Amino acid sequence: MKTPKSLTNKLKAAIILTFLLLVIFGKNILDRKSFNELEESFVSVYEDRLVVESYIFTISENLFRIKLLVNHCWEEGDYSHVIEDIEKYEENILKTVETFEKTNLTRSEDEFLKDFRRIIESNLRIADYELLYSEEEGINEKQVHIYNGYIERAIQDLEKLSMIQLEEGHKLAVNSEKVVTRSRIWAQFEIAALVILLLIIYLLIYTSRNIKSELID
């Protein structure tokens, strides 16, 4: 017994409808994934890049103030006051570094930040140095030169960390653009699928009316 042509067409239409519905459902899942990726990118840009750049700025400011005090310590009336200020700036830097370390660090960031912390803790502790200045001897140029050398190393680490923020921010921007482009392509495909779906529904209704008309006649 042959299957009626109308039934065969309806079966084909049902298969196509099922496929289209699966495609639309899959696209919905991909959209959710894309939205999650975009959300993660935006959060990362803010928390791990913009906020981190503010940490670098704060650290740089404190380091610059230390450099000024070291290079102009003879201008201060009370040298002990200079030492206290430098120690305060050192502690501020280390507190900011601790907060920095809690962010999502890349391998390069981790290396430069560890080197920076090591310089602050091991090489820039003002209490470990002999007097940089005394009223009797004047400026201890050797000690000032050594101290400034470590400050320059620390500044180089900060500059590299700042460059990483730009590079990683660019990567996140490129990835977000790819996600948006992919979503646009799938959105166009979804529109095409919906148009085909409407055409199939229309054809099914039209075919059913013809069959009903033939039965009545």
N, C-alpha and C. Protein backbone atom coordinates (compact mmCIF):
# COMPACT_ATOMS: atom_id res chain seq x y z
N MET A 1 0.85 -1.20 0.00
CA MET A 1 0.00 0.00 0.00
C MET A 1 0.88 1.25 0.00
N LYS A 2 0.67 2.14 -0.95
CA LYS A 2 1.46 3.35 -1.06
C LYS A 2 1.00 4.41 -0.06
N THR A 3 1.95 5.10 0.43
CA THR A 3 1.65 6.21 1.35
C THR A 3 1.15 7.39 0.54
N PRO A 4 0.03 7.98 0.92
CA PRO A 4 -0.50 9.15 0.20
C PRO A 4 0.57 10.24 0.10
N LYS A 5 0.55 10.92 -1.04
CA LYS A 5 1.54 11.96 -1.29
C LYS A 5 1.48 13.08 -0.25
N SER A 6 0.25 13.43 0.14
CA SER A 6 0.08 14.50 1.13
C SER A 6 0.71 14.13 2.47
N LEU A 7 0.59 12.82 2.84
CA LEU A 7 1.17 12.35 4.10
C LEU A 7 2.69 12.38 4.04
N THR A 8 3.23 12.01 2.88
CA THR A 8 4.68 12.04 2.69
C THR A 8 5.22 13.46 2.81
N ASN A 9 4.50 14.39 2.20
CA ASN A 9 4.91 15.79 2.27
C ASN A 9 4.86 16.32 3.70
N LYS A 10 3.80 15.89 4.41
CA LYS A 10 3.68 16.33 5.81
C LYS A 10 4.81 15.76 6.67
N LEU A 11 5.21 14.52 6.37
CA LEU A 11 6.30 13.89 7.11
C LEU A 11 7.62 14.64 6.87
N LYS A 12 7.84 14.99 5.61
CA LYS A 12 9.04 15.75 5.27
C LYS A 12 9.01 17.12 5.97
N ALA A 13 7.83 17.73 5.95
CA ALA A 13 7.69 19.04 6.59
C ALA A 13 7.94 18.94 8.09
N ALA A 14 7.45 17.86 8.70
CA ALA A 14 7.64 17.65 10.13
C ALA A 14 9.12 17.49 10.47
N ILE A 15 9.84 16.77 9.59
CA ILE A 15 11.28 16.58 9.80
C ILE A 15 12.01 17.92 9.71
N ILE A 16 11.65 18.71 8.70
CA ILE A 16 12.29 20.02 8.53
C ILE A 16 11.95 20.94 9.70
N LEU A 17 10.68 20.88 10.13
CA LEU A 17 10.27 21.70 11.28
C LEU A 17 11.06 21.33 12.53
N THR A 18 11.22 20.04 12.74
CA THR A 18 11.98 19.57 13.90
C THR A 18 13.42 20.05 13.84
N PHE A 19 14.01 19.97 12.65
CA PHE A 19 15.39 20.43 12.46
C PHE A 19 15.51 21.92 12.75
N LEU A 20 14.57 22.71 12.22
CA LEU A 20 14.61 24.15 12.42
C LEU A 20 14.43 24.52 13.89
N LEU A 21 13.54 23.81 14.55
CA LEU A 21 13.33 24.07 15.98
C LEU A 21 14.58 23.74 16.79
N LEU A 22 15.25 22.65 16.40
CA LEU A 22 16.50 22.29 17.07
C LEU A 22 17.58 23.34 16.84
N VAL A 23 17.62 23.86 15.62
CA VAL A 23 18.59 24.91 15.29
C VAL A 23 18.33 26.16 16.14
N ILE A 24 17.06 26.55 16.22
CA ILE A 24 16.70 27.74 17.00
C ILE A 24 17.01 27.53 18.48
N PHE A 25 16.74 26.31 18.96
CA PHE A 25 17.04 25.98 20.36
C PHE A 25 18.55 26.03 20.60
N GLY A 26 19.31 25.47 19.64
CA GLY A 26 20.77 25.50 19.77
C GLY A 26 21.31 26.91 19.74
N LYS A 27 20.69 27.75 18.91
CA LYS A 27 21.12 29.13 18.83
C LYS A 27 20.86 29.86 20.15
N ASN A 28 19.77 29.51 20.81
CA ASN A 28 19.46 30.09 22.11
C ASN A 28 20.53 29.73 23.13
N ILE A 29 20.99 28.48 23.09
CA ILE A 29 22.05 28.03 24.00
C ILE A 29 23.34 28.79 23.72
N LEU A 30 23.67 28.95 22.43
CA LEU A 30 24.87 29.69 22.04
C LEU A 30 24.79 31.15 22.47
N ASP A 31 23.58 31.73 22.39
CA ASP A 31 23.40 33.11 22.83
C ASP A 31 23.71 33.27 24.31
N ARG A 32 23.22 32.31 25.09
CA ARG A 32 23.48 32.37 26.53
C ARG A 32 24.99 32.28 26.80
N LYS A 33 25.65 31.38 26.06
CA LYS A 33 27.10 31.24 26.21
C LYS A 33 27.80 32.54 25.83
N SER A 34 27.36 33.15 24.72
CA SER A 34 27.96 34.41 24.27
C SER A 34 27.76 35.52 25.29
N PHE A 35 26.56 35.60 25.85
CA PHE A 35 26.27 36.63 26.86
C PHE A 35 27.16 36.43 28.09
N ASN A 36 27.36 35.16 28.47
CA ASN A 36 28.22 34.87 29.62
C ASN A 36 29.66 35.28 29.33
N GLU A 37 30.11 35.01 28.10
CA GLU A 37 31.47 35.39 27.71
C GLU A 37 31.64 36.91 27.74
N LEU A 38 30.64 37.61 27.22
CA LEU A 38 30.70 39.07 27.22
C LEU A 38 30.70 39.63 28.64
N GLU A 39 29.86 39.04 29.48
CA GLU A 39 29.79 39.48 30.88
C GLU A 39 31.14 39.28 31.56
N GLU A 40 31.75 38.10 31.34
CA GLU A 40 33.06 37.82 31.93
C GLU A 40 34.12 38.79 31.41
N SER A 41 34.04 39.13 30.11
CA SER A 41 35.00 40.07 29.52
C SER A 41 34.86 41.45 30.14
N PHE A 42 33.62 41.91 30.29
CA PHE A 42 33.38 43.23 30.87
C PHE A 42 33.86 43.29 32.32
N VAL A 43 33.56 42.23 33.07
CA VAL A 43 33.98 42.17 34.47
C VAL A 43 35.51 42.16 34.56
N SER A 44 36.14 41.37 33.68
CA SER A 44 37.59 41.26 33.68
C SER A 44 38.25 42.58 33.30
N VAL A 45 37.67 43.27 32.31
CA VAL A 45 38.22 44.57 31.89
C VAL A 45 38.18 45.54 33.07
N TYR A 46 37.10 45.51 33.84
CA TYR A 46 36.97 46.44 34.97
C TYR A 46 37.85 46.01 36.15
N GLU A 47 37.65 44.77 36.62
CA GLU A 47 38.31 44.34 37.85
C GLU A 47 39.79 44.04 37.67
N ASP A 48 40.14 43.39 36.54
CA ASP A 48 41.52 42.94 36.35
C ASP A 48 42.38 43.88 35.51
N ARG A 49 41.76 44.89 34.90
CA ARG A 49 42.54 45.80 34.06
C ARG A 49 42.41 47.25 34.53
N LEU A 50 41.18 47.80 34.52
CA LEU A 50 41.01 49.20 34.91
C LEU A 50 41.36 49.42 36.38
N VAL A 51 40.84 48.57 37.24
CA VAL A 51 41.12 48.71 38.68
C VAL A 51 42.61 48.50 38.94
N VAL A 52 43.19 47.49 38.27
CA VAL A 52 44.61 47.21 38.44
C VAL A 52 45.46 48.40 37.99
N GLU A 53 45.04 49.06 36.92
CA GLU A 53 45.78 50.24 36.45
C GLU A 53 45.75 51.33 37.52
N SER A 54 44.66 51.41 38.27
CA SER A 54 44.60 52.39 39.37
C SER A 54 45.56 51.99 40.50
N TYR A 55 45.72 50.65 40.71
CA TYR A 55 46.70 50.18 41.71
C TYR A 55 48.11 50.60 41.29
N ILE A 56 48.41 50.40 40.00
CA ILE A 56 49.74 50.75 39.48
C ILE A 56 49.99 52.25 39.65
N PHE A 57 48.96 53.04 39.39
CA PHE A 57 49.08 54.50 39.54
C PHE A 57 49.37 54.86 40.99
N THR A 58 48.64 54.23 41.92
CA THR A 58 48.84 54.51 43.35
C THR A 58 50.24 54.13 43.79
N ILE A 59 50.70 52.94 43.35
CA ILE A 59 52.04 52.49 43.69
C ILE A 59 53.08 53.45 43.12
N SER A 60 52.89 53.86 41.87
CA SER A 60 53.84 54.77 41.21
C SER A 60 53.92 56.10 41.95
N GLU A 61 52.77 56.59 42.40
CA GLU A 61 52.74 57.86 43.12
C GLU A 61 53.54 57.77 44.42
N ASN A 62 53.35 56.67 45.16
CA ASN A 62 54.09 56.49 46.41
C ASN A 62 55.59 56.34 46.16
N LEU A 63 55.91 55.61 45.09
CA LEU A 63 57.31 55.41 44.74
C LEU A 63 57.97 56.73 44.33
N PHE A 64 57.22 57.55 43.61
CA PHE A 64 57.73 58.86 43.20
C PHE A 64 57.98 59.75 44.42
N ARG A 65 57.09 59.69 45.40
CA ARG A 65 57.27 60.49 46.62
C ARG A 65 58.51 60.03 47.40
N ILE A 66 58.75 58.70 47.40
CA ILE A 66 59.96 58.19 48.05
C ILE A 66 61.20 58.73 47.35
N LYS A 67 61.17 58.69 46.02
CA LYS A 67 62.31 59.18 45.24
C LYS A 67 62.58 60.66 45.51
N LEU A 68 61.52 61.44 45.62
CA LEU A 68 61.69 62.87 45.91
C LEU A 68 62.32 63.08 47.29
N LEU A 69 61.85 62.31 48.27
CA LEU A 69 62.39 62.45 49.63
C LEU A 69 63.85 62.03 49.68
N VAL A 70 64.20 60.96 48.97
CA VAL A 70 65.58 60.49 48.95
C VAL A 70 66.50 61.52 48.29
N ASN A 71 66.05 62.05 47.16
CA ASN A 71 66.89 62.97 46.39
C ASN A 71 66.94 64.38 46.96
N HIS A 72 66.01 64.71 47.87
CA HIS A 72 65.97 66.06 48.44
C HIS A 72 65.93 66.01 49.97
N CYS A 73 66.50 64.94 50.53
CA CYS A 73 66.41 64.78 51.98
C CYS A 73 67.14 65.89 52.74
N TRP A 74 68.16 66.50 52.12
CA TRP A 74 68.91 67.57 52.79
C TRP A 74 68.09 68.86 52.94
N GLU A 75 66.98 68.92 52.19
CA GLU A 75 66.15 70.11 52.27
C GLU A 75 65.19 70.06 53.45
N GLU A 76 65.07 68.86 54.06
CA GLU A 76 64.16 68.70 55.19
C GLU A 76 64.85 69.13 56.49
N GLY A 77 64.10 69.77 57.34
CA GLY A 77 64.67 70.22 58.61
C GLY A 77 64.96 69.07 59.56
N ASP A 78 64.11 68.03 59.51
CA ASP A 78 64.26 66.89 60.42
C ASP A 78 64.41 65.63 59.59
N TYR A 79 65.63 65.07 59.55
CA TYR A 79 65.87 63.88 58.72
C TYR A 79 65.06 62.67 59.20
N SER A 80 64.85 62.56 60.50
CA SER A 80 64.07 61.43 61.03
C SER A 80 62.65 61.45 60.50
N HIS A 81 62.14 62.65 60.25
CA HIS A 81 60.81 62.80 59.68
C HIS A 81 60.78 62.24 58.25
N VAL A 82 61.87 62.43 57.52
CA VAL A 82 61.98 61.89 56.16
C VAL A 82 61.92 60.36 56.19
N ILE A 83 62.65 59.77 57.11
CA ILE A 83 62.67 58.30 57.24
C ILE A 83 61.27 57.77 57.54
N GLU A 84 60.57 58.44 58.45
CA GLU A 84 59.20 58.02 58.81
C GLU A 84 58.27 58.08 57.60
N ASP A 85 58.41 59.15 56.81
CA ASP A 85 57.57 59.30 55.61
C ASP A 85 57.86 58.21 54.59
N ILE A 86 59.14 57.93 54.39
CA ILE A 86 59.52 56.88 53.43
C ILE A 86 58.97 55.52 53.87
N GLU A 87 59.09 55.23 55.17
CA GLU A 87 58.56 53.96 55.69
C GLU A 87 57.05 53.87 55.50
N LYS A 88 56.36 55.01 55.68
CA LYS A 88 54.90 55.05 55.47
C LYS A 88 54.56 54.74 54.02
N TYR A 89 55.30 55.33 53.09
CA TYR A 89 55.06 55.09 51.66
C TYR A 89 55.37 53.63 51.29
N GLU A 90 56.40 53.07 51.90
CA GLU A 90 56.74 51.66 51.65
C GLU A 90 55.58 50.75 52.07
N GLU A 91 55.01 51.04 53.24
CA GLU A 91 53.89 50.22 53.72
C GLU A 91 52.66 50.39 52.82
N ASN A 92 52.41 51.61 52.37
CA ASN A 92 51.29 51.85 51.44
C ASN A 92 51.45 51.05 50.16
N ILE A 93 52.69 51.01 49.65
CA ILE A 93 52.97 50.26 48.42
C ILE A 93 52.70 48.78 48.63
N LEU A 94 53.18 48.22 49.73
CA LEU A 94 53.01 46.79 49.99
C LEU A 94 51.53 46.41 50.20
N LYS A 95 50.77 47.30 50.81
CA LYS A 95 49.33 47.05 50.98
C LYS A 95 48.62 46.99 49.63
N THR A 96 48.99 47.92 48.74
CA THR A 96 48.40 47.94 47.40
C THR A 96 48.82 46.71 46.60
N VAL A 97 50.07 46.28 46.77
CA VAL A 97 50.57 45.08 46.10
C VAL A 97 49.77 43.86 46.54
N GLU A 98 49.46 43.77 47.83
CA GLU A 98 48.67 42.65 48.35
C GLU A 98 47.30 42.59 47.68
N THR A 99 46.68 43.75 47.49
CA THR A 99 45.38 43.81 46.81
C THR A 99 45.54 43.43 45.35
N PHE A 100 46.61 43.90 44.73
CA PHE A 100 46.93 43.60 43.33
C PHE A 100 47.04 42.09 43.14
N GLU A 101 47.69 41.42 44.07
CA GLU A 101 47.94 39.97 43.96
C GLU A 101 46.65 39.14 44.00
N LYS A 102 45.58 39.72 44.50
CA LYS A 102 44.32 39.00 44.60
C LYS A 102 43.51 39.03 43.30
N THR A 103 43.98 39.82 42.33
CA THR A 103 43.29 39.88 41.03
C THR A 103 43.70 38.69 40.17
N ASN A 104 43.05 38.56 39.03
CA ASN A 104 43.35 37.46 38.11
C ASN A 104 44.61 37.78 37.32
N LEU A 105 45.76 37.29 37.79
CA LEU A 105 47.05 37.63 37.20
C LEU A 105 47.42 36.69 36.06
N THR A 106 48.01 37.26 35.02
CA THR A 106 48.61 36.44 33.97
C THR A 106 49.98 35.97 34.49
N ARG A 107 50.60 35.06 33.76
CA ARG A 107 51.92 34.56 34.19
C ARG A 107 52.94 35.70 34.22
N SER A 108 52.91 36.55 33.20
CA SER A 108 53.86 37.67 33.14
C SER A 108 53.62 38.65 34.29
N GLU A 109 52.35 38.93 34.56
CA GLU A 109 52.02 39.83 35.68
C GLU A 109 52.56 39.28 36.99
N ASP A 110 52.36 37.99 37.18
CA ASP A 110 52.81 37.34 38.42
C ASP A 110 54.32 37.47 38.58
N GLU A 111 55.07 37.28 37.49
CA GLU A 111 56.53 37.37 37.55
C GLU A 111 56.99 38.79 37.87
N PHE A 112 56.45 39.78 37.16
CA PHE A 112 56.86 41.16 37.38
C PHE A 112 56.43 41.66 38.77
N LEU A 113 55.25 41.23 39.22
CA LEU A 113 54.77 41.67 40.53
C LEU A 113 55.61 41.07 41.66
N LYS A 114 56.01 39.81 41.49
CA LYS A 114 56.89 39.18 42.49
C LYS A 114 58.23 39.88 42.55
N ASP A 115 58.77 40.23 41.38
CA ASP A 115 60.04 40.94 41.34
C ASP A 115 59.91 42.31 41.99
N PHE A 116 58.79 42.97 41.73
CA PHE A 116 58.55 44.29 42.32
C PHE A 116 58.47 44.19 43.84
N ARG A 117 57.71 43.21 44.34
CA ARG A 117 57.58 43.03 45.79
C ARG A 117 58.95 42.75 46.41
N ARG A 118 59.74 41.93 45.73
CA ARG A 118 61.07 41.59 46.25
C ARG A 118 61.94 42.84 46.36
N ILE A 119 61.85 43.73 45.38
CA ILE A 119 62.63 44.97 45.43
C ILE A 119 62.19 45.83 46.61
N ILE A 120 60.88 45.96 46.80
CA ILE A 120 60.36 46.79 47.90
C ILE A 120 60.75 46.21 49.25
N GLU A 121 60.60 44.90 49.40
CA GLU A 121 60.85 44.27 50.70
C GLU A 121 62.33 44.10 51.01
N SER A 122 63.13 43.82 49.98
CA SER A 122 64.54 43.48 50.22
C SER A 122 65.51 44.61 49.91
N ASN A 123 65.15 45.48 48.97
CA ASN A 123 66.12 46.49 48.52
C ASN A 123 65.77 47.93 48.86
N LEU A 124 64.49 48.20 49.10
CA LEU A 124 64.08 49.59 49.34
C LEU A 124 63.68 49.87 50.79
N ARG A 125 63.97 48.95 51.68
CA ARG A 125 63.68 49.20 53.09
C ARG A 125 64.65 50.26 53.60
N ILE A 126 64.15 51.45 53.81
CA ILE A 126 65.00 52.57 54.20
C ILE A 126 65.73 52.30 55.51
N ALA A 127 65.13 51.50 56.38
CA ALA A 127 65.74 51.21 57.68
C ALA A 127 67.01 50.37 57.54
N ASP A 128 67.16 49.68 56.39
CA ASP A 128 68.33 48.83 56.18
C ASP A 128 69.54 49.61 55.67
N TYR A 129 69.34 50.89 55.36
CA TYR A 129 70.42 51.71 54.81
C TYR A 129 71.08 52.57 55.89
N GLU A 130 72.36 52.81 55.66
CA GLU A 130 73.03 53.80 56.50
C GLU A 130 72.46 55.16 56.13
N LEU A 131 72.73 56.14 56.92
CA LEU A 131 72.17 57.47 56.68
C LEU A 131 72.44 57.93 55.25
N LEU A 132 71.37 58.33 54.56
CA LEU A 132 71.54 58.88 53.22
C LEU A 132 72.05 60.32 53.30
N TYR A 133 71.80 60.90 54.48
CA TYR A 133 72.22 62.29 54.66
C TYR A 133 72.46 62.55 56.15
N SER A 134 73.47 63.34 56.43
CA SER A 134 73.71 63.79 57.80
C SER A 134 74.26 65.21 57.74
N GLU A 135 73.99 65.95 58.78
CA GLU A 135 74.46 67.35 58.79
C GLU A 135 75.98 67.42 58.79
N GLU A 136 76.62 66.40 59.41
CA GLU A 136 78.09 66.41 59.49
C GLU A 136 78.72 66.02 58.15
N GLU A 137 78.21 64.95 57.52
CA GLU A 137 78.82 64.41 56.30
C GLU A 137 78.14 64.89 55.03
N GLY A 138 76.92 65.40 55.17
CA GLY A 138 76.17 65.81 53.98
C GLY A 138 75.52 64.61 53.30
N ILE A 139 75.38 64.66 51.97
CA ILE A 139 74.71 63.59 51.21
C ILE A 139 75.65 62.39 51.08
N ASN A 140 75.12 61.22 51.39
CA ASN A 140 75.86 59.98 51.16
C ASN A 140 75.54 59.53 49.72
N GLU A 141 76.31 60.06 48.80
CA GLU A 141 76.00 59.85 47.38
C GLU A 141 75.98 58.38 46.99
N LYS A 142 76.84 57.58 47.58
CA LYS A 142 76.89 56.15 47.27
C LYS A 142 75.57 55.47 47.62
N GLN A 143 75.08 55.75 48.83
CA GLN A 143 73.83 55.13 49.28
C GLN A 143 72.65 55.64 48.46
N VAL A 144 72.64 56.93 48.17
CA VAL A 144 71.55 57.51 47.36
C VAL A 144 71.54 56.89 45.97
N HIS A 145 72.72 56.69 45.39
CA HIS A 145 72.82 56.09 44.06
C HIS A 145 72.29 54.65 44.07
N ILE A 146 72.68 53.89 45.10
CA ILE A 146 72.20 52.51 45.21
C ILE A 146 70.68 52.47 45.35
N TYR A 147 70.17 53.33 46.24
CA TYR A 147 68.72 53.37 46.49
C TYR A 147 67.96 53.75 45.22
N ASN A 148 68.45 54.78 44.53
CA ASN A 148 67.80 55.21 43.29
C ASN A 148 67.84 54.14 42.21
N GLY A 149 68.91 53.35 42.21
CA GLY A 149 69.02 52.26 41.24
C GLY A 149 67.89 51.23 41.42
N TYR A 150 67.59 50.91 42.67
CA TYR A 150 66.49 49.97 42.95
C TYR A 150 65.13 50.59 42.64
N ILE A 151 65.01 51.89 42.88
CA ILE A 151 63.77 52.57 42.53
C ILE A 151 63.52 52.49 41.02
N GLU A 152 64.59 52.69 40.24
CA GLU A 152 64.45 52.60 38.77
C GLU A 152 64.04 51.20 38.34
N ARG A 153 64.59 50.18 38.99
CA ARG A 153 64.19 48.80 38.69
C ARG A 153 62.72 48.59 38.99
N ALA A 154 62.29 49.11 40.12
CA ALA A 154 60.88 48.98 40.51
C ALA A 154 59.97 49.69 39.51
N ILE A 155 60.40 50.88 39.05
CA ILE A 155 59.61 51.63 38.06
C ILE A 155 59.50 50.85 36.75
N GLN A 156 60.58 50.19 36.35
CA GLN A 156 60.55 49.39 35.12
C GLN A 156 59.53 48.25 35.23
N ASP A 157 59.47 47.61 36.40
CA ASP A 157 58.47 46.55 36.62
C ASP A 157 57.06 47.12 36.50
N LEU A 158 56.84 48.30 37.07
CA LEU A 158 55.52 48.94 36.99
C LEU A 158 55.15 49.29 35.56
N GLU A 159 56.13 49.76 34.79
CA GLU A 159 55.87 50.09 33.38
C GLU A 159 55.47 48.84 32.60
N LYS A 160 56.15 47.72 32.88
CA LYS A 160 55.82 46.47 32.20
C LYS A 160 54.43 45.97 32.62
N LEU A 161 54.11 46.13 33.89
CA LEU A 161 52.78 45.74 34.37
C LEU A 161 51.70 46.58 33.72
N SER A 162 51.98 47.86 33.54
CA SER A 162 51.02 48.76 32.89
C SER A 162 50.82 48.37 31.42
N MET A 163 51.90 47.99 30.74
CA MET A 163 51.80 47.55 29.34
C MET A 163 50.97 46.29 29.23
N ILE A 164 51.10 45.40 30.20
CA ILE A 164 50.32 44.15 30.20
C ILE A 164 48.83 44.47 30.27
N GLN A 165 48.46 45.50 31.05
CA GLN A 165 47.05 45.86 31.17
C GLN A 165 46.49 46.26 29.81
N LEU A 166 47.29 47.01 29.04
CA LEU A 166 46.86 47.43 27.70
C LEU A 166 46.73 46.22 26.77
N GLU A 167 47.71 45.32 26.83
CA GLU A 167 47.70 44.14 25.96
C GLU A 167 46.52 43.23 26.29
N GLU A 168 46.32 42.97 27.58
CA GLU A 168 45.23 42.08 27.99
C GLU A 168 43.87 42.74 27.72
N GLY A 169 43.78 44.04 27.92
CA GLY A 169 42.54 44.76 27.62
C GLY A 169 42.21 44.68 26.14
N HIS A 170 43.26 44.78 25.30
CA HIS A 170 43.07 44.66 23.84
C HIS A 170 42.57 43.26 23.48
N LYS A 171 43.16 42.24 24.10
CA LYS A 171 42.73 40.86 23.84
C LYS A 171 41.27 40.65 24.19
N LEU A 172 40.86 41.21 25.34
CA LEU A 172 39.47 41.08 25.78
C LEU A 172 38.53 41.80 24.81
N ALA A 173 38.98 42.97 24.32
CA ALA A 173 38.16 43.72 23.36
C ALA A 173 38.00 42.95 22.05
N VAL A 174 39.09 42.35 21.57
CA VAL A 174 39.04 41.56 20.33
C VAL A 174 38.14 40.34 20.50
N ASN A 175 38.26 39.68 21.66
CA ASN A 175 37.43 38.50 21.92
C ASN A 175 35.95 38.88 21.99
N SER A 176 35.66 40.02 22.62
CA SER A 176 34.27 40.49 22.72
C SER A 176 33.71 40.79 21.33
N GLU A 177 34.55 41.37 20.48
CA GLU A 177 34.12 41.68 19.11
C GLU A 177 33.79 40.41 18.34
N LYS A 178 34.62 39.36 18.56
CA LYS A 178 34.36 38.08 17.90
C LYS A 178 33.04 37.48 18.35
N VAL A 179 32.77 37.58 19.65
CA VAL A 179 31.52 37.05 20.22
C VAL A 179 30.32 37.78 19.62
N VAL A 180 30.43 39.12 19.52
CA VAL A 180 29.33 39.92 18.96
C VAL A 180 29.11 39.56 17.49
N THR A 181 30.20 39.44 16.72
CA THR A 181 30.10 39.09 15.30
C THR A 181 29.45 37.72 15.12
N ARG A 182 29.87 36.77 15.96
CA ARG A 182 29.29 35.42 15.89
C ARG A 182 27.80 35.46 16.20
N SER A 183 27.41 36.26 17.18
CA SER A 183 26.00 36.36 17.54
C SER A 183 25.18 36.98 16.40
N ARG A 184 25.77 37.95 15.72
CA ARG A 184 25.07 38.59 14.59
C ARG A 184 24.83 37.58 13.46
N ILE A 185 25.85 36.78 13.17
CA ILE A 185 25.71 35.77 12.10
C ILE A 185 24.61 34.78 12.44
N TRP A 186 24.62 34.31 13.70
CA TRP A 186 23.59 33.36 14.12
C TRP A 186 22.21 34.00 14.16
N ALA A 187 22.16 35.29 14.47
CA ALA A 187 20.87 35.99 14.48
C ALA A 187 20.28 36.04 13.07
N GLN A 188 21.14 36.28 12.07
CA GLN A 188 20.68 36.28 10.68
C GLN A 188 20.20 34.89 10.26
N PHE A 189 20.93 33.89 10.71
CA PHE A 189 20.54 32.51 10.40
C PHE A 189 19.21 32.17 11.06
N GLU A 190 19.02 32.68 12.28
CA GLU A 190 17.77 32.43 12.99
C GLU A 190 16.59 33.07 12.26
N ILE A 191 16.79 34.28 11.75
CA ILE A 191 15.73 34.96 10.99
C ILE A 191 15.36 34.14 9.76
N ALA A 192 16.39 33.63 9.06
CA ALA A 192 16.14 32.80 7.87
C ALA A 192 15.38 31.54 8.24
N ALA A 193 15.76 30.94 9.37
CA ALA A 193 15.08 29.73 9.83
C ALA A 193 13.62 30.00 10.16
N LEU A 194 13.36 31.16 10.78
CA LEU A 194 11.98 31.53 11.13
C LEU A 194 11.14 31.77 9.88
N VAL A 195 11.75 32.39 8.85
CA VAL A 195 11.05 32.61 7.58
C VAL A 195 10.67 31.28 6.94
N ILE A 196 11.64 30.35 6.93
CA ILE A 196 11.37 29.01 6.38
C ILE A 196 10.28 28.31 7.18
N LEU A 197 10.34 28.49 8.49
CA LEU A 197 9.35 27.89 9.38
C LEU A 197 7.95 28.41 9.06
N LEU A 198 7.82 29.70 8.86
CA LEU A 198 6.53 30.30 8.52
C LEU A 198 6.02 29.80 7.17
N LEU A 199 6.93 29.64 6.20
CA LEU A 199 6.55 29.14 4.87
C LEU A 199 6.03 27.72 4.96
N ILE A 200 6.71 26.89 5.78
CA ILE A 200 6.28 25.50 5.93
C ILE A 200 4.91 25.43 6.59
N ILE A 201 4.72 26.25 7.62
CA ILE A 201 3.42 26.27 8.29
C ILE A 201 2.32 26.69 7.32
N TYR A 202 2.64 27.72 6.50
CA TYR A 202 1.67 28.18 5.50
C TYR A 202 1.35 27.07 4.50
N LEU A 203 2.38 26.36 4.03
CA LEU A 203 2.17 25.27 3.06
C LEU A 203 1.36 24.14 3.66
N LEU A 204 1.63 23.85 4.95
CA LEU A 204 0.86 22.79 5.62
C LEU A 204 -0.61 23.16 5.71
N ILE A 205 -0.87 24.44 6.05
CA ILE A 205 -2.27 24.90 6.14
C ILE A 205 -2.92 24.86 4.76
N TYR A 206 -2.19 25.32 3.75
CA TYR A 206 -2.71 25.34 2.37
C TYR A 206 -2.99 23.93 1.88
N THR A 207 -2.06 22.98 2.17
CA THR A 207 -2.24 21.58 1.75
C THR A 207 -3.44 20.97 2.45
N SER A 208 -3.59 21.25 3.74
CA SER A 208 -4.73 20.70 4.50
C SER A 208 -6.06 21.19 3.94
N ARG A 209 -6.12 22.44 3.53
CA ARG A 209 -7.35 23.00 2.97
C ARG A 209 -7.69 22.33 1.64
N ASN A 210 -6.65 22.07 0.82
CA ASN A 210 -6.88 21.40 -0.46
C ASN A 210 -7.42 19.99 -0.28
N ILE A 211 -6.82 19.30 0.71
CA ILE A 211 -7.28 17.92 0.98
C ILE A 211 -8.72 17.94 1.46
N LYS A 212 -9.02 18.88 2.35
CA LYS A 212 -10.40 18.99 2.88
C LYS A 212 -11.38 19.33 1.75
N SER A 213 -10.94 20.20 0.83
CA SER A 213 -11.78 20.60 -0.29
C SER A 213 -12.07 19.41 -1.21
N GLU A 214 -11.02 18.59 -1.43
CA GLU A 214 -11.17 17.41 -2.28
C GLU A 214 -12.14 16.41 -1.67
N LEU A 215 -12.08 16.24 -0.35
CA LEU A 215 -12.98 15.29 0.34
C LEU A 215 -14.42 15.76 0.27
N ILE A 216 -14.63 17.07 0.39
CA ILE A 216 -16.01 17.61 0.33
C ILE A 216 -16.57 17.46 -1.06
N ASP A 217 -15.71 17.75 -2.08
CA ASP A 217 -16.16 17.61 -3.45
C ASP A 217 -16.45 16.15 -3.80
